[in-house]
Amino acid sequence: MKKFRDVMTKICGGVSYASMVALLFAMAVTVVDIIMKLTISKRVLGNIELVELSMVVMMFLGFAKTQLENGHVRVDLFINKFPPKVRCAVNGVIQCLVTVFCIFMLIQSFKQISVVSAAGTSSQVLHIPYPPFYIILSIGFALFAVTLLLSAMEYFAQIPTAGNTEE
Protein backbone atom coordinates (compact mmCIF):
# COMPACT_ATOMS: atom_id res chain seq x y z
CA MET A 1 0.00 0.00 0.00
CA LYS A 2 2.96 2.31 0.66
CA LYS A 3 4.15 2.00 -2.96
CA PHE A 4 0.65 2.72 -4.25
CA ARG A 5 0.45 5.80 -2.01
CA ASP A 6 3.83 6.96 -3.33
CA VAL A 7 2.66 6.54 -6.93
CA MET A 8 -0.58 8.39 -6.23
CA THR A 9 1.34 11.14 -4.43
CA LYS A 10 3.50 11.66 -7.53
CA ILE A 11 0.53 11.62 -9.91
CA CYS A 12 -1.62 13.90 -7.77
CA GLY A 13 1.32 16.18 -7.07
CA GLY A 14 1.93 16.61 -10.78
CA VAL A 15 -1.74 17.21 -11.50
CA SER A 16 -1.94 19.72 -8.67
CA TYR A 17 0.59 21.88 -10.50
CA ALA A 18 -2.04 22.43 -13.20
CA SER A 19 -4.37 23.47 -10.40
CA MET A 20 -1.80 25.96 -9.14
CA VAL A 21 -1.27 27.38 -12.63
CA ALA A 22 -5.05 27.82 -12.96
CA LEU A 23 -5.10 29.70 -9.66
CA LEU A 24 -2.24 31.93 -10.79
CA PHE A 25 -4.05 32.54 -14.10
CA ALA A 26 -7.31 33.48 -12.35
CA MET A 27 -5.48 35.87 -10.05
CA ALA A 28 -3.61 37.45 -12.98
CA VAL A 29 -6.81 37.96 -14.98
CA THR A 30 -8.48 39.56 -11.97
CA VAL A 31 -5.55 41.87 -11.24
CA VAL A 32 -5.20 42.93 -14.88
CA ASP A 33 -8.95 43.52 -15.10
CA ILE A 34 -8.92 45.77 -12.02
CA ILE A 35 -5.86 47.69 -13.20
CA MET A 36 -7.40 48.21 -16.64
CA LYS A 37 -10.69 49.33 -15.11
CA LEU A 38 -8.99 51.89 -12.87
CA THR A 39 -6.49 53.21 -15.41
CA ILE A 40 -8.11 53.12 -18.84
CA SER A 41 -11.76 52.40 -17.93
CA LYS A 42 -11.81 49.18 -19.94
CA ARG A 43 -12.28 45.59 -18.80
CA VAL A 44 -10.69 42.30 -19.83
CA LEU A 45 -13.06 40.73 -22.33
CA GLY A 46 -14.53 37.55 -20.85
CA ASN A 47 -12.80 37.95 -17.51
CA ILE A 48 -15.61 36.22 -15.62
CA GLU A 49 -15.59 33.28 -18.03
CA LEU A 50 -11.84 32.93 -17.75
CA VAL A 51 -11.97 32.91 -13.95
CA GLU A 52 -14.93 30.50 -13.87
CA LEU A 53 -13.25 28.02 -16.20
CA SER A 54 -9.97 28.27 -14.37
CA MET A 55 -11.86 27.48 -11.16
CA VAL A 56 -12.98 24.17 -12.71
CA VAL A 57 -9.33 23.28 -13.28
CA MET A 58 -8.31 24.58 -9.86
CA MET A 59 -10.91 22.73 -7.85
CA PHE A 60 -11.16 19.37 -9.52
CA LEU A 61 -7.45 18.86 -10.06
CA GLY A 62 -6.75 19.84 -6.45
CA PHE A 63 -9.20 17.46 -4.71
CA ALA A 64 -6.99 14.35 -4.90
CA LYS A 65 -3.84 16.04 -3.61
CA THR A 66 -5.81 17.58 -0.75
CA GLN A 67 -7.22 14.15 0.11
CA LEU A 68 -3.75 12.59 0.20
CA GLU A 69 -2.63 15.30 2.61
CA ASN A 70 -5.77 14.94 4.78
CA GLY A 71 -6.48 18.58 4.02
CA HIS A 72 -10.25 18.40 3.60
CA VAL A 73 -12.39 19.95 6.29
CA ARG A 74 -13.73 17.33 8.70
CA VAL A 75 -16.05 17.57 11.65
CA ASP A 76 -14.81 14.99 14.15
CA LEU A 77 -17.11 16.08 16.94
CA PHE A 78 -18.55 12.60 17.52
CA ILE A 79 -15.96 10.38 15.86
CA ASN A 80 -13.17 11.47 18.22
CA LYS A 81 -15.21 10.21 21.17
CA PHE A 82 -15.05 6.62 19.85
CA PRO A 83 -12.28 4.18 20.81
CA PRO A 84 -9.40 4.11 18.27
CA LYS A 85 -10.47 0.87 16.55
CA VAL A 86 -14.06 2.05 16.12
CA ARG A 87 -12.80 5.45 14.92
CA CYS A 88 -10.69 3.79 12.22
CA ALA A 89 -13.62 1.61 11.15
CA VAL A 90 -16.04 4.56 11.00
CA ASN A 91 -13.54 6.68 9.08
CA GLY A 92 -12.98 3.82 6.65
CA VAL A 93 -16.71 3.38 6.07
CA ILE A 94 -17.13 7.13 5.55
CA GLN A 95 -14.31 7.11 2.99
CA CYS A 96 -16.01 4.20 1.19
CA LEU A 97 -19.35 6.02 1.11
CA VAL A 98 -17.74 9.15 -0.28
CA THR A 99 -15.90 6.98 -2.84
CA VAL A 100 -19.21 5.53 -4.04
CA PHE A 101 -20.68 9.03 -4.32
CA CYS A 102 -17.57 10.17 -6.21
CA ILE A 103 -17.86 7.23 -8.62
CA PHE A 104 -21.48 8.18 -9.36
CA MET A 105 -20.31 11.72 -10.07
CA LEU A 106 -17.53 10.36 -12.28
CA ILE A 107 -20.01 8.30 -14.31
CA GLN A 108 -22.28 11.30 -14.75
CA SER A 109 -19.37 13.53 -15.74
CA PHE A 110 -18.40 11.02 -18.45
CA LYS A 111 -21.99 11.08 -19.73
CA GLN A 112 -21.97 14.86 -19.66
CA ILE A 113 -18.85 14.96 -21.85
CA SER A 114 -20.73 13.32 -24.71
CA VAL A 115 -23.80 15.54 -24.21
CA VAL A 116 -21.75 18.73 -24.17
CA SER A 117 -19.63 17.59 -27.11
CA ALA A 118 -22.68 16.72 -29.19
CA ALA A 119 -24.32 20.05 -28.40
CA GLY A 120 -21.14 21.98 -29.18
CA THR A 121 -21.57 24.20 -26.15
CA SER A 122 -19.10 26.94 -25.39
CA SER A 123 -18.79 30.04 -23.26
CA GLN A 124 -20.89 33.02 -24.36
CA VAL A 125 -18.31 35.77 -24.73
CA LEU A 126 -15.07 34.06 -25.73
CA HIS A 127 -16.64 30.90 -27.20
CA ILE A 128 -14.30 28.63 -25.26
CA PRO A 129 -15.53 25.04 -25.78
CA TYR A 130 -16.73 23.31 -22.61
CA PRO A 131 -15.84 19.64 -23.34
CA PRO A 132 -12.15 19.95 -22.32
CA PHE A 133 -13.25 21.26 -18.94
CA TYR A 134 -15.60 18.32 -18.47
CA ILE A 135 -12.69 16.02 -19.27
CA ILE A 136 -10.63 17.80 -16.61
CA LEU A 137 -13.54 17.43 -14.20
CA SER A 138 -13.66 13.68 -14.93
CA ILE A 139 -9.92 13.27 -14.43
CA GLY A 140 -10.22 15.08 -11.12
CA PHE A 141 -13.10 12.87 -9.97
CA ALA A 142 -11.24 9.73 -11.03
CA LEU A 143 -8.13 10.70 -9.08
CA PHE A 144 -10.24 11.74 -6.11
CA ALA A 145 -12.09 8.40 -6.12
CA VAL A 146 -8.81 6.47 -6.16
CA THR A 147 -7.35 8.53 -3.32
CA LEU A 148 -10.54 8.11 -1.28
CA LEU A 149 -10.33 4.36 -1.76
CA LEU A 150 -6.67 4.44 -0.73
CA SER A 151 -7.60 6.39 2.41
CA ALA A 152 -10.33 3.87 3.23
CA MET A 153 -7.90 0.97 2.86
CA GLU A 154 -5.40 2.75 5.10
CA TYR A 155 -8.05 3.31 7.78
CA PHE A 156 -9.12 -0.34 7.65
CA ALA A 157 -5.47 -1.45 7.83
CA GLN A 158 -5.06 0.56 11.06
CA ILE A 159 -7.92 -1.20 12.84
CA PRO A 160 -5.91 -4.16 14.21
CA THR A 161 -3.21 -1.91 15.70
CA ALA A 162 -5.34 1.08 16.71
CA GLY A 163 -5.39 1.68 20.44
CA ASN A 164 -2.69 -0.90 21.22
CA THR A 165 -0.15 1.67 22.39
CA GLU A 166 0.97 1.52 26.00
CA GLU A 167 0.44 4.71 28.00
Foldseek 3Di string as FASTA:
>chain_A
DVVVLVVLLVVLVVLLVLLVVLVVVLVVQVVVQVVCCVPVNDGDFCNVVSNVLSVLSNPLSNLLNCLSVVNDDDDCPPLVVDAFLVSLLVLLVVLVVVLVVLVVVLVVLVVVLVVQVVVQDADDTPRHRDNVSSVSNNVSSVSNSVSSNVSSVVSNVCNVVGPVDDD
